[in-house]
Amino acid sequence: MFLQIHSLTSYHATLLNRDDAGLAKRIPFGDAVRLRVSSQCLKRHWRESLKQTIPLPTGLRTRHVFEREIYPRLKQEGVEDSLAKQLTLSLMGLLLQKSDKTAKPEKAKKGKNGHEEQAEFDFEEGAGTEESSAGDLRVKQPILFGRPEVDYLISLLKACAEEGSGAEKALQAKLKGDKANFKAMLKAAGHGDLYAGLEGALFGRFVTSDVLSRSDAAVHVAHSFTVHGLDTEVDYFTVVDDLNREEETGAAHAGDMELGAGLFYGYVAVDIPLLVSNLTGCDTTRWAEQEPADVRKVLTGLIRAIATVSPGAKLGATAPYAFSEFVLLETGKQQPRALSNAYLQALPMRGDPLQAAIDALAKYLRALDAMYGRTSDSRSVASTRAFDADLAPTNSLDASIGAALDAIFPPAKA
């Protein structure tokens, strides 16, 4: 079962997503180059919004979880400084380095001395050693840790600290096992199934640690792009010095930034069985048997975030805020497919561009249905413009979300 979310959102002069040169991101598609917003940018903004609206444990994507979360909180729990540091260092090694016995020989890396090395993450120089300071308790790459994991690990370290000189051996004994064992300990300690937090359940977490569990992404996000060709302008600006004397002319600073306006098509596909499994811990084959209340809240929050949360750089200079004016929700067991090819030929920007984009999407959707048969089981639309009523009814966003979720999780019969 899949939920597909298609959206059209128009932005005025903005710089939604920059590349490494500070220019607006772009992509060639069909017969024209388009403005683009990356999926990473979109997901970042949606995650931040969902943290405020969904009452479920979140996560921390950071290089500093050991240094700024686990180590200081362990000291706050009354563990002596040197022991807290050493236990945190031991935890780093146990969690982030893959053991030789589970390494696959063909994937093992050769170190400078010719021996096989199996490292989950690269440590900062000096990190993970007895000589490192608290500031070195970090890794080079950010890692997603769920709040439930962090809370459990701190309680585990505190319990091991009570063993005194045998604290490190106690920690090794506790974490001696596999991912399933660690997840079972988390759950037994009352930390539930969201080991990687809401972010991990939605957008996944890749780890190759023996202990930490990988979480596959249930939400698949496409880069959004303009339905028409790219048309940008370089905005040249100056800053006047308020304390200039009358004879002092010229600007105190001059700069420029690339701005673009456009109508963006966005596409998201949600693997419902995987999402339910990530949220509840059930097997994906038993997703329909689970209580759907939390899943419905998460999906409602996700759809509303997609429709109402704007990405954007240069907030103070461009106010890059807009709501989607068209949202199509589709559900069904068929493989998802984007409707991006409705805009393979860039639309001309004349007349009512939004209505033209909606009509092009409807035309392409009818053509797909004519070729393959109906390509989704249910459809619902929220739109400020007219949409083909034969394809889907148009309603408010809340009503359309409700219809889509009822199609996925049919209400119990009275």
Protein backbone atom coordinates (compact mmCIF):
# COMPACT_ATOMS: atom_id res chain seq x y z
CA MET A 1 0.00 0.00 0.00
CA PHE A 2 1.31 3.42 -0.99
CA LEU A 3 0.31 7.02 -0.48
CA GLN A 4 1.42 9.44 -3.20
CA ILE A 5 1.44 13.20 -2.70
CA HIS A 6 1.63 15.55 -5.68
CA SER A 7 1.76 19.31 -5.18
CA LEU A 8 2.02 22.56 -7.14
CA THR A 9 3.40 25.56 -5.28
CA SER A 10 4.13 29.00 -6.70
CA TYR A 11 6.90 31.16 -5.26
CA HIS A 12 7.61 34.83 -5.90
CA ALA A 13 11.21 36.16 -6.24
CA THR A 14 13.14 33.88 -3.86
CA LEU A 15 16.30 31.85 -3.46
CA LEU A 16 14.81 28.60 -2.19
CA ASN A 17 17.88 26.38 -2.38
CA ARG A 18 21.48 27.38 -3.12
CA ASP A 19 24.38 25.41 -4.54
CA ASP A 20 27.99 25.63 -3.36
CA ALA A 21 28.50 28.80 -5.42
CA GLY A 22 25.50 30.51 -3.86
CA LEU A 23 23.40 30.22 -7.02
CA ALA A 24 19.89 28.81 -7.24
CA LYS A 25 19.92 25.03 -7.76
CA ARG A 26 18.79 23.92 -11.22
CA ILE A 27 18.35 20.78 -13.30
CA PRO A 28 17.90 20.04 -17.02
CA PHE A 29 14.56 18.30 -17.59
CA GLY A 30 12.84 17.69 -20.90
CA ASP A 31 13.31 20.64 -23.21
CA ALA A 32 14.48 23.21 -20.64
CA VAL A 33 16.60 23.86 -17.57
CA ARG A 34 14.46 24.24 -14.44
CA LEU A 35 14.84 25.75 -11.00
CA ARG A 36 15.15 22.96 -8.42
CA VAL A 37 14.79 22.38 -4.69
CA SER A 38 16.65 19.33 -3.40
CA SER A 39 14.94 16.58 -1.45
CA GLN A 40 17.46 17.08 1.38
CA CYS A 41 16.40 20.71 1.71
CA LEU A 42 12.70 19.83 1.67
CA LYS A 43 13.06 17.03 4.23
CA ARG A 44 15.07 19.24 6.59
CA HIS A 45 12.30 21.85 6.74
CA TRP A 46 9.55 19.22 7.05
CA ARG A 47 11.42 17.48 9.88
CA GLU A 48 11.74 20.70 11.83
CA SER A 49 8.02 21.35 11.43
CA LEU A 50 7.00 17.82 12.40
CA LYS A 51 9.04 18.06 15.60
CA GLN A 52 6.68 20.83 16.68
CA THR A 53 3.42 19.19 15.61
CA ILE A 54 3.74 15.42 16.14
CA PRO A 55 3.81 14.22 19.80
CA LEU A 56 6.25 11.36 19.17
CA PRO A 57 9.94 10.97 20.12
CA THR A 58 12.25 12.77 17.73
CA GLY A 59 15.91 12.34 16.89
CA LEU A 60 19.24 14.13 16.77
CA ARG A 61 21.25 14.29 13.54
CA THR A 62 24.64 15.39 14.81
CA ARG A 63 28.38 14.77 15.13
CA HIS A 64 28.23 15.79 18.78
CA VAL A 65 25.84 13.34 20.44
CA PHE A 66 28.57 11.85 22.65
CA GLU A 67 30.22 15.18 23.47
CA ARG A 68 27.17 17.41 24.01
CA GLU A 69 24.42 15.00 24.97
CA ILE A 70 25.58 11.71 26.47
CA TYR A 71 28.73 12.83 28.34
CA PRO A 72 27.26 15.94 30.03
CA ARG A 73 23.99 14.23 30.91
CA LEU A 74 25.91 11.32 32.42
CA LYS A 75 27.75 13.79 34.67
CA GLN A 76 24.42 15.39 35.60
CA GLU A 77 23.30 11.94 36.73
CA GLY A 78 26.10 12.00 39.31
CA VAL A 79 28.77 9.94 37.52
CA GLU A 80 32.29 11.16 38.28
CA ASP A 81 33.87 13.12 35.40
CA SER A 82 36.73 10.81 34.45
CA LEU A 83 34.53 7.72 34.62
CA ALA A 84 31.78 9.42 32.61
CA LYS A 85 34.32 10.34 29.94
CA GLN A 86 35.85 6.86 29.80
CA LEU A 87 32.47 5.15 29.61
CA THR A 88 31.41 7.52 26.82
CA LEU A 89 34.61 6.73 24.93
CA SER A 90 33.99 3.01 25.37
CA LEU A 91 30.43 3.45 24.14
CA MET A 92 31.68 5.22 21.01
CA GLY A 93 33.92 2.30 20.20
CA LEU A 94 31.23 -0.29 20.83
CA LEU A 95 28.55 1.48 18.81
CA LEU A 96 30.47 2.88 15.87
CA GLN A 97 33.06 0.25 15.03
CA LYS A 98 32.11 -2.92 13.29
CA SER A 99 33.60 -6.12 14.67
CA ASP A 100 36.00 -8.22 12.58
CA LYS A 101 33.95 -11.37 13.04
CA THR A 102 30.93 -9.92 11.30
CA ALA A 103 32.83 -8.10 8.56
CA LYS A 104 32.47 -9.45 5.05
CA PRO A 105 35.96 -10.06 3.66
CA GLU A 106 35.14 -8.76 0.20
CA LYS A 107 34.02 -5.43 1.63
CA ALA A 108 36.81 -5.03 4.17
CA LYS A 109 39.09 -2.04 3.65
CA LYS A 110 42.87 -2.32 3.75
CA GLY A 111 44.63 -0.03 6.15
CA LYS A 112 48.14 1.41 5.74
CA ASN A 113 49.63 -1.64 7.45
CA GLY A 114 47.77 -4.03 5.17
CA HIS A 115 45.37 -5.24 7.86
CA GLU A 116 41.63 -5.19 7.34
CA GLU A 117 39.84 -2.25 8.91
CA GLN A 118 36.14 -2.12 9.69
CA ALA A 119 35.05 1.31 10.84
CA GLU A 120 31.47 2.45 10.85
CA PHE A 121 32.45 6.12 11.06
CA ASP A 122 35.70 8.06 11.05
CA PHE A 123 36.54 9.56 14.43
CA GLU A 124 38.02 13.02 14.80
CA GLU A 125 41.75 12.85 15.47
CA GLY A 126 42.22 11.84 19.09
CA ALA A 127 38.60 10.83 19.60
CA GLY A 128 37.88 7.44 21.12
CA THR A 129 41.16 7.36 23.01
CA GLU A 130 42.00 7.82 26.66
CA GLU A 131 43.92 10.99 25.80
CA SER A 132 40.97 12.72 24.13
CA SER A 133 39.18 15.61 25.79
CA ALA A 134 35.43 16.04 26.04
CA GLY A 135 35.65 18.22 22.92
CA ASP A 136 36.99 15.25 20.96
CA LEU A 137 34.00 13.03 21.65
CA ARG A 138 32.75 13.39 18.13
CA VAL A 139 32.82 11.69 14.76
CA LYS A 140 33.42 13.26 11.38
CA GLN A 141 30.01 12.41 9.94
CA PRO A 142 26.67 13.35 11.49
CA ILE A 143 24.71 10.37 12.84
CA LEU A 144 20.99 10.15 13.47
CA PHE A 145 20.29 9.02 17.03
CA GLY A 146 16.73 8.67 18.27
CA ARG A 147 15.88 10.32 21.58
CA PRO A 148 14.79 6.90 22.92
CA GLU A 149 18.25 5.52 22.09
CA VAL A 150 20.04 8.42 23.75
CA ASP A 151 17.92 8.19 26.90
CA TYR A 152 18.44 4.43 27.13
CA LEU A 153 22.19 4.65 26.55
CA ILE A 154 22.54 7.21 29.34
CA SER A 155 20.60 5.01 31.74
CA LEU A 156 22.73 2.04 30.67
CA LEU A 157 25.99 3.93 31.28
CA LYS A 158 24.75 5.12 34.66
CA ALA A 159 23.96 1.54 35.68
CA CYS A 160 27.39 0.36 34.50
CA ALA A 161 29.09 3.20 36.41
CA GLU A 162 27.77 1.67 39.64
CA GLU A 163 30.08 -1.29 38.98
CA GLY A 164 33.10 0.93 39.72
CA SER A 165 36.30 -0.53 38.28
CA GLY A 166 34.27 -3.10 36.37
CA ALA A 167 32.16 -0.47 34.60
CA GLU A 168 33.66 -0.94 31.13
CA LYS A 169 33.40 -4.73 31.29
CA ALA A 170 29.77 -4.38 32.38
CA LEU A 171 29.10 -2.12 29.41
CA GLN A 172 30.73 -4.55 26.99
CA ALA A 173 28.66 -7.38 28.42
CA LYS A 174 25.44 -5.38 28.06
CA LEU A 175 26.14 -4.47 24.44
CA LYS A 176 27.50 -7.87 23.49
CA GLY A 177 24.95 -8.99 20.97
CA ASP A 178 23.23 -7.95 17.79
CA LYS A 179 20.76 -5.31 16.68
CA ALA A 180 17.76 -7.41 17.66
CA ASN A 181 19.13 -7.76 21.18
CA PHE A 182 19.66 -4.01 21.51
CA LYS A 183 16.15 -3.25 20.24
CA ALA A 184 14.73 -5.77 22.71
CA MET A 185 16.61 -4.11 25.58
CA LEU A 186 15.33 -0.70 24.48
CA LYS A 187 11.76 -1.91 24.44
CA ALA A 188 12.09 -3.77 27.74
CA ALA A 189 13.37 -0.55 29.33
CA GLY A 190 10.17 1.22 28.29
CA HIS A 191 11.54 3.20 25.36
CA GLY A 192 9.15 1.83 22.74
CA ASP A 193 9.81 1.04 19.11
CA LEU A 194 10.90 4.45 17.79
CA TYR A 195 14.58 3.70 18.38
CA ALA A 196 15.68 6.14 15.63
CA GLY A 197 12.99 8.70 16.42
CA LEU A 198 10.28 10.02 14.15
CA GLU A 199 12.88 11.21 11.62
CA GLY A 200 14.34 7.72 11.29
CA ALA A 201 10.89 6.18 10.92
CA LEU A 202 10.03 8.59 8.11
CA PHE A 203 13.27 9.26 6.27
CA GLY A 204 15.45 6.34 7.34
CA ARG A 205 18.85 5.85 8.94
CA PHE A 206 21.79 4.04 7.40
CA VAL A 207 24.26 2.46 9.82
CA THR A 208 26.45 -0.64 9.61
CA SER A 209 27.08 -0.93 13.33
CA ASP A 210 26.73 -4.34 14.97
CA VAL A 211 24.50 -2.80 17.63
CA LEU A 212 22.55 0.10 16.13
CA SER A 213 19.69 -0.77 13.82
CA ARG A 214 19.32 0.50 10.31
CA SER A 215 15.95 2.08 9.51
CA ASP A 216 14.79 2.06 5.88
CA ALA A 217 13.14 5.23 4.61
CA ALA A 218 9.38 4.88 4.33
CA VAL A 219 9.00 8.34 2.78
CA HIS A 220 10.59 8.83 -0.66
CA VAL A 221 11.02 12.46 -1.70
CA ALA A 222 11.72 13.74 -5.21
CA HIS A 223 13.55 16.96 -5.94
CA SER A 224 10.90 19.53 -6.84
CA PHE A 225 11.32 21.56 -10.04
CA THR A 226 9.57 24.29 -11.99
CA VAL A 227 6.99 23.23 -14.58
CA HIS A 228 8.39 25.94 -16.88
CA GLY A 229 11.90 26.88 -17.96
CA LEU A 230 14.34 28.57 -15.62
CA ASP A 231 14.24 32.36 -15.55
CA THR A 232 16.40 34.01 -12.91
CA GLU A 233 17.76 37.46 -12.24
CA VAL A 234 20.82 38.64 -10.35
CA ASP A 235 19.75 41.08 -7.67
CA TYR A 236 22.43 43.71 -7.06
CA PHE A 237 22.20 45.45 -3.70
CA THR A 238 24.14 48.00 -1.68
CA VAL A 239 24.38 49.01 1.95
CA VAL A 240 24.56 52.69 2.88
CA ASP A 241 26.64 53.66 5.91
CA ASP A 242 24.38 55.62 8.26
CA LEU A 243 27.36 57.53 9.69
CA ASN A 244 28.72 58.73 6.35
CA ARG A 245 29.65 62.40 6.28
CA GLU A 246 28.11 64.56 3.57
CA GLU A 247 31.25 64.46 1.45
CA GLU A 248 31.56 60.65 1.79
CA THR A 249 29.78 59.00 -1.13
CA GLY A 250 29.38 55.44 -2.29
CA ALA A 251 28.12 52.31 -0.61
CA ALA A 252 29.63 50.71 2.46
CA HIS A 253 28.99 47.29 0.92
CA ALA A 254 27.79 45.90 -2.39
CA GLY A 255 26.66 42.39 -3.18
CA ASP A 256 24.43 40.28 -5.35
CA MET A 257 22.30 37.15 -5.20
CA GLU A 258 20.42 35.13 -7.78
CA LEU A 259 16.65 35.21 -7.47
CA GLY A 260 14.03 33.18 -9.29
CA ALA A 261 10.27 32.90 -9.32
CA GLY A 262 8.45 29.74 -10.32
CA LEU A 263 5.68 27.19 -10.07
CA PHE A 264 7.14 23.99 -8.59
CA TYR A 265 5.90 20.42 -8.95
CA GLY A 266 6.62 18.28 -5.88
CA TYR A 267 6.25 14.53 -5.46
CA VAL A 268 6.42 12.26 -2.41
CA ALA A 269 5.66 8.53 -2.13
CA VAL A 270 5.05 6.81 1.23
CA ASP A 271 5.47 3.07 1.75
CA ILE A 272 2.63 2.56 4.25
CA PRO A 273 3.51 -0.98 5.52
CA LEU A 274 7.12 0.11 6.10
CA LEU A 275 6.05 3.30 7.87
CA VAL A 276 3.69 1.38 10.17
CA SER A 277 6.48 -1.13 10.86
CA ASN A 278 8.97 1.66 11.66
CA LEU A 279 6.50 3.31 14.03
CA THR A 280 5.18 0.22 15.81
CA GLY A 281 7.86 -2.44 15.44
CA CYS A 282 5.48 -4.85 13.71
CA ASP A 283 6.32 -7.01 10.71
CA THR A 284 5.46 -5.23 7.46
CA THR A 285 3.06 -8.04 6.55
CA ARG A 286 0.94 -7.24 9.62
CA TRP A 287 0.72 -3.47 9.15
CA ALA A 288 -3.06 -3.47 8.59
CA GLU A 289 -3.62 -5.10 12.01
CA GLN A 290 -2.04 -2.22 13.95
CA GLU A 291 -3.85 0.62 15.69
CA PRO A 292 -3.76 3.42 13.08
CA ALA A 293 -4.21 6.51 15.31
CA ASP A 294 -0.53 7.50 15.54
CA VAL A 295 0.14 6.65 11.90
CA ARG A 296 -2.78 8.83 10.81
CA LYS A 297 -1.40 11.72 12.90
CA VAL A 298 2.03 11.31 11.33
CA LEU A 299 0.66 11.17 7.78
CA THR A 300 -1.65 14.12 8.38
CA GLY A 301 1.27 16.13 9.74
CA LEU A 302 3.48 15.11 6.83
CA ILE A 303 0.93 16.09 4.17
CA ARG A 304 0.23 19.41 5.85
CA ALA A 305 3.98 20.09 6.12
CA ILE A 306 4.44 19.34 2.42
CA ALA A 307 1.62 21.76 1.56
CA THR A 308 2.45 24.58 3.98
CA VAL A 309 6.14 24.53 5.01
CA SER A 310 8.42 26.49 2.71
CA PRO A 311 12.13 25.94 2.17
CA GLY A 312 14.20 29.01 1.57
CA ALA A 313 17.45 30.86 2.03
CA LYS A 314 17.63 34.64 2.43
CA LEU A 315 14.54 34.70 4.65
CA GLY A 316 14.93 38.33 5.67
CA ALA A 317 15.45 39.52 2.11
CA THR A 318 12.84 37.50 0.21
CA ALA A 319 10.17 36.20 2.68
CA PRO A 320 9.97 32.86 0.78
CA TYR A 321 6.64 31.69 2.20
CA ALA A 322 3.87 30.07 0.19
CA PHE A 323 1.20 27.38 0.50
CA SER A 324 0.58 24.80 -2.21
CA GLU A 325 -2.44 25.67 -4.33
CA PHE A 326 -2.91 22.15 -5.63
CA VAL A 327 -2.47 18.85 -3.75
CA LEU A 328 -3.38 15.46 -5.24
CA LEU A 329 -3.39 12.46 -2.89
CA GLU A 330 -3.44 8.95 -4.32
CA THR A 331 -3.56 5.60 -2.53
CA GLY A 332 -3.30 2.03 -3.74
CA LYS A 333 -1.21 -1.12 -3.98
CA GLN A 334 0.18 -0.21 -7.40
CA GLN A 335 3.83 0.78 -7.72
CA PRO A 336 4.12 4.56 -7.26
CA ARG A 337 4.85 6.72 -10.30
CA ALA A 338 5.55 10.43 -10.43
CA LEU A 339 3.54 12.71 -12.71
CA SER A 340 6.60 14.82 -13.52
CA ASN A 341 6.44 13.90 -17.22
CA ALA A 342 3.33 16.05 -17.46
CA TYR A 343 5.90 18.85 -17.64
CA LEU A 344 8.49 17.18 -19.88
CA GLN A 345 7.69 19.97 -22.30
CA ALA A 346 8.09 23.18 -20.33
CA LEU A 347 4.85 25.11 -19.99
CA PRO A 348 4.68 28.62 -21.42
CA MET A 349 4.04 31.25 -18.75
CA ARG A 350 0.97 32.95 -20.12
CA GLY A 351 -2.69 33.14 -19.14
CA ASP A 352 -3.24 31.35 -15.82
CA PRO A 353 -0.04 29.29 -15.33
CA LEU A 354 -1.44 27.40 -12.32
CA GLN A 355 -4.56 26.30 -14.19
CA ALA A 356 -2.42 25.32 -17.18
CA ALA A 357 -0.20 23.19 -14.90
CA ILE A 358 -3.23 21.49 -13.30
CA ASP A 359 -4.74 20.80 -16.73
CA ALA A 360 -1.43 19.35 -17.98
CA LEU A 361 -1.23 17.05 -14.95
CA ALA A 362 -4.84 15.89 -15.45
CA LYS A 363 -4.22 15.23 -19.14
CA TYR A 364 -1.12 13.17 -18.38
CA LEU A 365 -2.92 11.24 -15.63
CA ARG A 366 -5.78 10.38 -18.01
CA ALA A 367 -3.24 9.17 -20.60
CA LEU A 368 -1.55 6.91 -18.01
CA ASP A 369 -4.91 5.45 -16.94
CA ALA A 370 -5.82 4.85 -20.58
CA MET A 371 -2.59 2.94 -21.15
CA TYR A 372 -2.37 0.93 -17.90
CA GLY A 373 -5.84 1.01 -16.44
CA ARG A 374 -6.51 3.01 -13.28
CA THR A 375 -3.09 3.57 -11.70
CA SER A 376 -4.31 4.20 -8.14
CA ASP A 377 -7.25 2.93 -6.10
CA SER A 378 -8.38 6.26 -4.68
CA ARG A 379 -7.73 9.94 -5.37
CA SER A 380 -8.61 13.14 -3.58
CA VAL A 381 -7.73 16.72 -4.47
CA ALA A 382 -7.42 20.06 -2.70
CA SER A 383 -7.09 22.95 -5.12
CA THR A 384 -7.74 26.66 -5.62
CA ARG A 385 -8.43 25.95 -9.30
CA ALA A 386 -10.66 23.55 -11.21
CA PHE A 387 -9.63 19.91 -11.57
CA ASP A 388 -11.11 17.13 -13.71
CA ALA A 389 -13.97 15.81 -11.54
CA ASP A 390 -13.89 12.46 -13.37
CA LEU A 391 -10.38 11.87 -12.01
CA ALA A 392 -10.95 12.99 -8.41
CA PRO A 393 -13.31 15.13 -6.32
CA THR A 394 -12.01 18.51 -5.13
CA ASN A 395 -12.37 19.42 -1.47
CA SER A 396 -10.57 21.18 1.38
CA LEU A 397 -7.12 19.93 2.31
CA ASP A 398 -8.33 18.44 5.60
CA ALA A 399 -11.22 16.64 3.88
CA SER A 400 -8.92 15.34 1.15
CA ILE A 401 -6.43 14.06 3.74
CA GLY A 402 -9.27 12.36 5.61
CA ALA A 403 -10.51 10.67 2.44
CA ALA A 404 -7.02 9.40 1.57
CA LEU A 405 -6.38 8.05 5.06
CA ASP A 406 -9.80 6.40 5.20
CA ALA A 407 -8.88 4.60 1.98
CA ILE A 408 -5.70 3.31 3.63
CA PHE A 409 -7.19 2.60 7.06
CA PRO A 410 -10.92 1.89 6.51
CA PRO A 411 -12.96 3.02 9.55
CA ALA A 412 -14.32 0.19 11.67
CA LYS A 413 -17.95 -0.62 10.93
CA ALA A 414 -20.38 0.15 13.72
